[in-house]
Amino acid sequence: MALKVNLNEIQMKEHPKFEGVKVGYVVTKERHPELSIIILEVASGVEIPLHTHEKEVDSIFILEGEGEMYMGDSWQTVKKGDIIAVASKELHGLKAKENLKCYVVHAPALW
């Protein structure tokens, strides 16, 4: 399943749950059930509430911006260049201090 995609060519759509959040689908579970890859854009001031994933591990690379991520038991600053790994069933959330753009991999596939 080799794939090459240019970041600038990904079509961004409104997130199905969160206002002020856009999602671009790179790899979905229909193409590869073992992982999904998305680009996530979170507008400044928007928060993705605390949540968990039953089976999926989150791997998040911050491409642009700055915010806070709830990991473990506290909010921590995240910024361009940071890589975050969140285990399944681990409580996490994201707040954008300025516009955030993230590369997110879920394994197994979430999307």
N, C-alpha and C. Protein backbone atom coordinates (compact mmCIF):
# COMPACT_ATOMS: atom_id res chain seq x y z
N MET A 1 0.83 -1.18 0.00
CA MET A 1 0.00 0.00 0.00
C MET A 1 0.87 1.25 0.00
N ALA A 2 1.76 1.35 -0.92
CA ALA A 2 2.57 2.56 -1.03
C ALA A 2 1.68 3.71 -1.47
N LEU A 3 1.95 4.88 -0.91
CA LEU A 3 1.11 6.05 -1.19
C LEU A 3 1.94 7.31 -1.03
N LYS A 4 1.79 8.22 -1.96
CA LYS A 4 2.44 9.53 -1.86
C LYS A 4 1.36 10.58 -2.03
N VAL A 5 1.29 11.49 -1.06
CA VAL A 5 0.28 12.56 -1.08
C VAL A 5 0.97 13.86 -0.73
N ASN A 6 0.65 14.92 -1.45
CA ASN A 6 1.18 16.23 -1.13
C ASN A 6 0.22 16.92 -0.16
N LEU A 7 0.77 17.45 0.92
CA LEU A 7 -0.03 18.10 1.97
C LEU A 7 -0.95 19.18 1.40
N ASN A 8 -0.47 19.90 0.40
CA ASN A 8 -1.25 21.00 -0.18
C ASN A 8 -2.42 20.52 -1.04
N GLU A 9 -2.46 19.23 -1.35
CA GLU A 9 -3.51 18.70 -2.21
C GLU A 9 -4.62 18.00 -1.43
N ILE A 10 -4.51 17.94 -0.12
CA ILE A 10 -5.51 17.25 0.70
C ILE A 10 -6.73 18.15 0.86
N GLN A 11 -7.89 17.60 0.53
CA GLN A 11 -9.15 18.35 0.65
C GLN A 11 -9.60 18.34 2.10
N MET A 12 -9.71 19.52 2.69
CA MET A 12 -10.14 19.66 4.08
C MET A 12 -11.66 19.81 4.13
N LYS A 13 -12.28 19.10 5.10
CA LYS A 13 -13.73 19.14 5.28
C LYS A 13 -14.03 19.47 6.74
N GLU A 14 -15.23 19.94 7.00
CA GLU A 14 -15.65 20.18 8.38
C GLU A 14 -15.62 18.87 9.15
N HIS A 15 -15.12 18.92 10.37
CA HIS A 15 -15.10 17.72 11.22
C HIS A 15 -16.54 17.32 11.53
N PRO A 16 -16.86 16.02 11.55
CA PRO A 16 -18.25 15.61 11.79
C PRO A 16 -18.77 15.91 13.19
N LYS A 17 -17.88 16.16 14.17
CA LYS A 17 -18.33 16.39 15.54
C LYS A 17 -18.01 17.77 16.09
N PHE A 18 -16.89 18.36 15.68
CA PHE A 18 -16.37 19.56 16.35
C PHE A 18 -16.36 20.79 15.45
N GLU A 19 -17.08 21.83 15.87
CA GLU A 19 -17.10 23.09 15.15
C GLU A 19 -15.73 23.75 15.28
N GLY A 20 -15.24 24.35 14.21
CA GLY A 20 -13.94 25.00 14.22
C GLY A 20 -12.78 24.05 13.97
N VAL A 21 -13.13 22.81 13.59
CA VAL A 21 -12.11 21.79 13.30
C VAL A 21 -12.36 21.25 11.90
N LYS A 22 -11.29 21.14 11.13
CA LYS A 22 -11.38 20.55 9.79
C LYS A 22 -10.52 19.30 9.75
N VAL A 23 -10.92 18.37 8.89
CA VAL A 23 -10.20 17.12 8.75
C VAL A 23 -9.98 16.82 7.27
N GLY A 24 -8.79 16.35 6.96
CA GLY A 24 -8.46 15.89 5.62
C GLY A 24 -8.06 14.43 5.69
N TYR A 25 -8.72 13.60 4.92
CA TYR A 25 -8.50 12.16 4.98
C TYR A 25 -7.39 11.76 4.00
N VAL A 26 -6.32 11.20 4.53
CA VAL A 26 -5.19 10.74 3.72
C VAL A 26 -5.33 9.24 3.46
N VAL A 27 -5.45 8.46 4.53
CA VAL A 27 -5.67 7.01 4.43
C VAL A 27 -6.82 6.66 5.37
N THR A 28 -7.82 5.97 4.85
CA THR A 28 -8.96 5.57 5.68
C THR A 28 -8.98 4.06 5.84
N LYS A 29 -9.82 3.59 6.77
CA LYS A 29 -9.87 2.16 7.06
C LYS A 29 -10.35 1.34 5.87
N GLU A 30 -11.05 1.98 4.92
CA GLU A 30 -11.45 1.26 3.72
C GLU A 30 -10.23 0.88 2.88
N ARG A 31 -9.22 1.72 2.93
CA ARG A 31 -8.00 1.45 2.16
C ARG A 31 -7.01 0.61 2.95
N HIS A 32 -6.97 0.84 4.27
CA HIS A 32 -5.98 0.14 5.10
C HIS A 32 -6.53 -0.01 6.52
N PRO A 33 -7.07 -1.16 6.88
CA PRO A 33 -7.72 -1.32 8.19
C PRO A 33 -6.77 -1.23 9.38
N GLU A 34 -5.48 -1.33 9.13
CA GLU A 34 -4.53 -1.30 10.24
C GLU A 34 -4.18 0.10 10.71
N LEU A 35 -4.43 1.11 9.87
CA LEU A 35 -4.14 2.49 10.28
C LEU A 35 -4.94 3.46 9.46
N SER A 36 -5.17 4.64 10.04
CA SER A 36 -5.75 5.75 9.29
C SER A 36 -4.85 6.96 9.51
N ILE A 37 -4.78 7.80 8.49
CA ILE A 37 -3.97 9.02 8.56
C ILE A 37 -4.87 10.18 8.17
N ILE A 38 -4.85 11.22 9.01
CA ILE A 38 -5.62 12.42 8.72
C ILE A 38 -4.76 13.66 8.96
N ILE A 39 -5.17 14.75 8.36
CA ILE A 39 -4.66 16.08 8.70
C ILE A 39 -5.78 16.75 9.47
N LEU A 40 -5.45 17.32 10.61
CA LEU A 40 -6.43 17.96 11.47
C LEU A 40 -6.06 19.43 11.61
N GLU A 41 -7.01 20.32 11.33
CA GLU A 41 -6.81 21.75 11.52
C GLU A 41 -7.78 22.21 12.61
N VAL A 42 -7.21 22.82 13.64
CA VAL A 42 -8.00 23.29 14.78
C VAL A 42 -7.83 24.80 14.87
N ALA A 43 -8.93 25.54 14.74
CA ALA A 43 -8.87 27.00 14.76
C ALA A 43 -8.50 27.52 16.15
N SER A 44 -7.86 28.66 16.16
CA SER A 44 -7.46 29.30 17.41
C SER A 44 -8.65 29.43 18.35
N GLY A 45 -8.46 29.04 19.61
CA GLY A 45 -9.51 29.13 20.61
C GLY A 45 -10.44 27.93 20.69
N VAL A 46 -10.31 27.00 19.76
CA VAL A 46 -11.17 25.82 19.73
C VAL A 46 -10.56 24.70 20.57
N GLU A 47 -11.43 23.95 21.22
CA GLU A 47 -10.98 22.82 22.05
C GLU A 47 -11.65 21.53 21.59
N ILE A 48 -10.84 20.50 21.44
CA ILE A 48 -11.36 19.15 21.25
C ILE A 48 -11.43 18.56 22.65
N PRO A 49 -12.63 18.25 23.14
CA PRO A 49 -12.78 17.86 24.54
C PRO A 49 -12.05 16.57 24.90
N LEU A 50 -11.87 16.38 26.19
CA LEU A 50 -11.23 15.17 26.69
C LEU A 50 -12.00 13.94 26.22
N HIS A 51 -11.26 12.94 25.75
CA HIS A 51 -11.87 11.71 25.25
C HIS A 51 -10.84 10.59 25.26
N THR A 52 -11.30 9.40 24.99
CA THR A 52 -10.42 8.24 24.85
C THR A 52 -10.80 7.50 23.57
N HIS A 53 -9.91 6.62 23.14
CA HIS A 53 -10.19 5.71 22.04
C HIS A 53 -10.09 4.29 22.60
N GLU A 54 -11.07 3.49 22.32
CA GLU A 54 -11.12 2.14 22.89
C GLU A 54 -9.93 1.28 22.44
N LYS A 55 -9.64 1.29 21.12
CA LYS A 55 -8.58 0.42 20.59
C LYS A 55 -7.42 1.20 19.98
N GLU A 56 -7.67 2.41 19.53
CA GLU A 56 -6.71 3.12 18.69
C GLU A 56 -5.65 3.87 19.50
N VAL A 57 -4.42 3.78 19.02
CA VAL A 57 -3.32 4.60 19.51
C VAL A 57 -3.28 5.83 18.62
N ASP A 58 -3.08 7.01 19.22
CA ASP A 58 -2.92 8.27 18.47
C ASP A 58 -1.44 8.60 18.37
N SER A 59 -0.98 8.90 17.18
CA SER A 59 0.34 9.48 16.97
C SER A 59 0.11 10.82 16.30
N ILE A 60 0.54 11.89 16.93
CA ILE A 60 0.23 13.24 16.46
C ILE A 60 1.52 14.02 16.26
N PHE A 61 1.68 14.62 15.07
CA PHE A 61 2.81 15.48 14.76
C PHE A 61 2.26 16.87 14.51
N ILE A 62 2.70 17.84 15.30
CA ILE A 62 2.22 19.22 15.14
C ILE A 62 3.00 19.87 13.99
N LEU A 63 2.29 20.15 12.90
CA LEU A 63 2.90 20.75 11.71
C LEU A 63 2.98 22.27 11.82
N GLU A 64 1.97 22.87 12.43
CA GLU A 64 1.91 24.33 12.55
C GLU A 64 1.17 24.69 13.83
N GLY A 65 1.53 25.84 14.41
CA GLY A 65 0.77 26.41 15.50
C GLY A 65 1.23 26.01 16.89
N GLU A 66 0.39 26.39 17.86
CA GLU A 66 0.67 26.12 19.26
C GLU A 66 -0.64 25.92 20.01
N GLY A 67 -0.58 25.08 21.03
CA GLY A 67 -1.76 24.82 21.84
C GLY A 67 -1.40 24.08 23.09
N GLU A 68 -2.40 23.41 23.66
CA GLU A 68 -2.20 22.58 24.83
C GLU A 68 -2.84 21.23 24.59
N MET A 69 -2.17 20.19 25.04
CA MET A 69 -2.69 18.83 24.93
C MET A 69 -2.79 18.23 26.32
N TYR A 70 -3.94 17.65 26.61
CA TYR A 70 -4.10 16.95 27.88
C TYR A 70 -3.54 15.55 27.70
N MET A 71 -2.52 15.24 28.51
CA MET A 71 -1.86 13.94 28.46
C MET A 71 -1.56 13.51 29.88
N GLY A 72 -1.79 12.23 30.16
CA GLY A 72 -1.55 11.76 31.51
C GLY A 72 -2.58 12.35 32.44
N ASP A 73 -2.17 13.35 33.20
CA ASP A 73 -3.11 14.00 34.12
C ASP A 73 -2.97 15.52 34.13
N SER A 74 -2.42 16.08 33.03
CA SER A 74 -2.24 17.54 33.00
C SER A 74 -2.22 18.06 31.57
N TRP A 75 -2.47 19.36 31.45
CA TRP A 75 -2.37 20.04 30.16
C TRP A 75 -0.91 20.44 29.94
N GLN A 76 -0.39 20.15 28.75
CA GLN A 76 0.99 20.48 28.41
C GLN A 76 1.03 21.25 27.11
N THR A 77 1.93 22.22 27.03
CA THR A 77 2.08 23.01 25.81
C THR A 77 2.61 22.13 24.68
N VAL A 78 2.00 22.30 23.50
CA VAL A 78 2.49 21.63 22.29
C VAL A 78 2.65 22.69 21.21
N LYS A 79 3.64 22.47 20.34
CA LYS A 79 3.92 23.46 19.30
C LYS A 79 4.50 22.77 18.07
N LYS A 80 4.65 23.55 17.02
CA LYS A 80 5.21 23.05 15.77
C LYS A 80 6.47 22.23 16.04
N GLY A 81 6.50 21.03 15.46
CA GLY A 81 7.65 20.15 15.62
C GLY A 81 7.47 19.09 16.69
N ASP A 82 6.48 19.24 17.57
CA ASP A 82 6.26 18.25 18.63
C ASP A 82 5.59 17.00 18.08
N ILE A 83 5.97 15.85 18.65
CA ILE A 83 5.37 14.57 18.33
C ILE A 83 4.78 14.02 19.62
N ILE A 84 3.52 13.61 19.57
CA ILE A 84 2.81 13.12 20.74
C ILE A 84 2.29 11.71 20.44
N ALA A 85 2.43 10.82 21.39
CA ALA A 85 1.87 9.47 21.28
C ALA A 85 0.91 9.28 22.45
N VAL A 86 -0.30 8.82 22.15
CA VAL A 86 -1.33 8.62 23.16
C VAL A 86 -1.82 7.18 23.05
N ALA A 87 -1.72 6.44 24.15
CA ALA A 87 -2.13 5.04 24.16
C ALA A 87 -3.65 4.91 24.08
N SER A 88 -4.12 3.75 23.66
CA SER A 88 -5.55 3.49 23.68
C SER A 88 -6.05 3.59 25.12
N LYS A 89 -7.28 4.02 25.27
CA LYS A 89 -7.95 4.20 26.56
C LYS A 89 -7.34 5.30 27.43
N GLU A 90 -6.37 6.05 26.90
CA GLU A 90 -5.76 7.15 27.65
C GLU A 90 -6.53 8.45 27.39
N LEU A 91 -6.90 9.15 28.45
CA LEU A 91 -7.65 10.39 28.35
C LEU A 91 -6.76 11.47 27.71
N HIS A 92 -7.30 12.15 26.69
CA HIS A 92 -6.55 13.21 26.02
C HIS A 92 -7.52 14.21 25.39
N GLY A 93 -7.02 15.41 25.14
CA GLY A 93 -7.78 16.48 24.51
C GLY A 93 -6.82 17.51 23.96
N LEU A 94 -7.33 18.47 23.21
CA LEU A 94 -6.47 19.45 22.55
C LEU A 94 -7.14 20.82 22.55
N LYS A 95 -6.37 21.85 22.91
CA LYS A 95 -6.83 23.25 22.86
C LYS A 95 -5.87 24.01 21.95
N ALA A 96 -6.41 24.77 21.01
CA ALA A 96 -5.58 25.56 20.11
C ALA A 96 -5.42 26.98 20.65
N LYS A 97 -4.20 27.39 20.94
CA LYS A 97 -3.92 28.78 21.33
C LYS A 97 -3.83 29.64 20.07
N GLU A 98 -3.30 29.05 19.02
CA GLU A 98 -3.30 29.66 17.68
C GLU A 98 -3.64 28.52 16.73
N ASN A 99 -3.94 28.83 15.49
CA ASN A 99 -4.33 27.79 14.54
C ASN A 99 -3.33 26.63 14.57
N LEU A 100 -3.85 25.42 14.73
CA LEU A 100 -3.03 24.22 14.76
C LEU A 100 -3.28 23.39 13.51
N LYS A 101 -2.22 22.81 12.99
CA LYS A 101 -2.33 21.84 11.90
C LYS A 101 -1.55 20.62 12.36
N CYS A 102 -2.22 19.47 12.36
CA CYS A 102 -1.63 18.24 12.89
C CYS A 102 -1.74 17.11 11.89
N TYR A 103 -0.71 16.27 11.86
CA TYR A 103 -0.68 15.03 11.11
C TYR A 103 -0.96 13.94 12.13
N VAL A 104 -2.06 13.20 11.95
CA VAL A 104 -2.50 12.24 12.96
C VAL A 104 -2.61 10.84 12.36
N VAL A 105 -1.99 9.88 13.04
CA VAL A 105 -2.10 8.47 12.64
C VAL A 105 -2.82 7.73 13.76
N HIS A 106 -3.84 6.97 13.41
CA HIS A 106 -4.54 6.09 14.35
C HIS A 106 -4.25 4.65 13.94
N ALA A 107 -3.90 3.84 14.91
CA ALA A 107 -3.67 2.42 14.64
C ALA A 107 -4.28 1.60 15.78
N PRO A 108 -5.20 0.68 15.45
CA PRO A 108 -5.77 0.42 14.13
C PRO A 108 -6.56 1.61 13.63
N ALA A 109 -7.04 1.52 12.41
CA ALA A 109 -7.72 2.65 11.77
C ALA A 109 -8.96 3.08 12.55
N LEU A 110 -9.11 4.40 12.70
CA LEU A 110 -10.29 5.00 13.34
C LEU A 110 -11.25 5.52 12.28
N TRP A 111 -10.73 6.14 11.25
CA TRP A 111 -11.54 6.80 10.22
C TRP A 111 -11.80 5.88 9.06
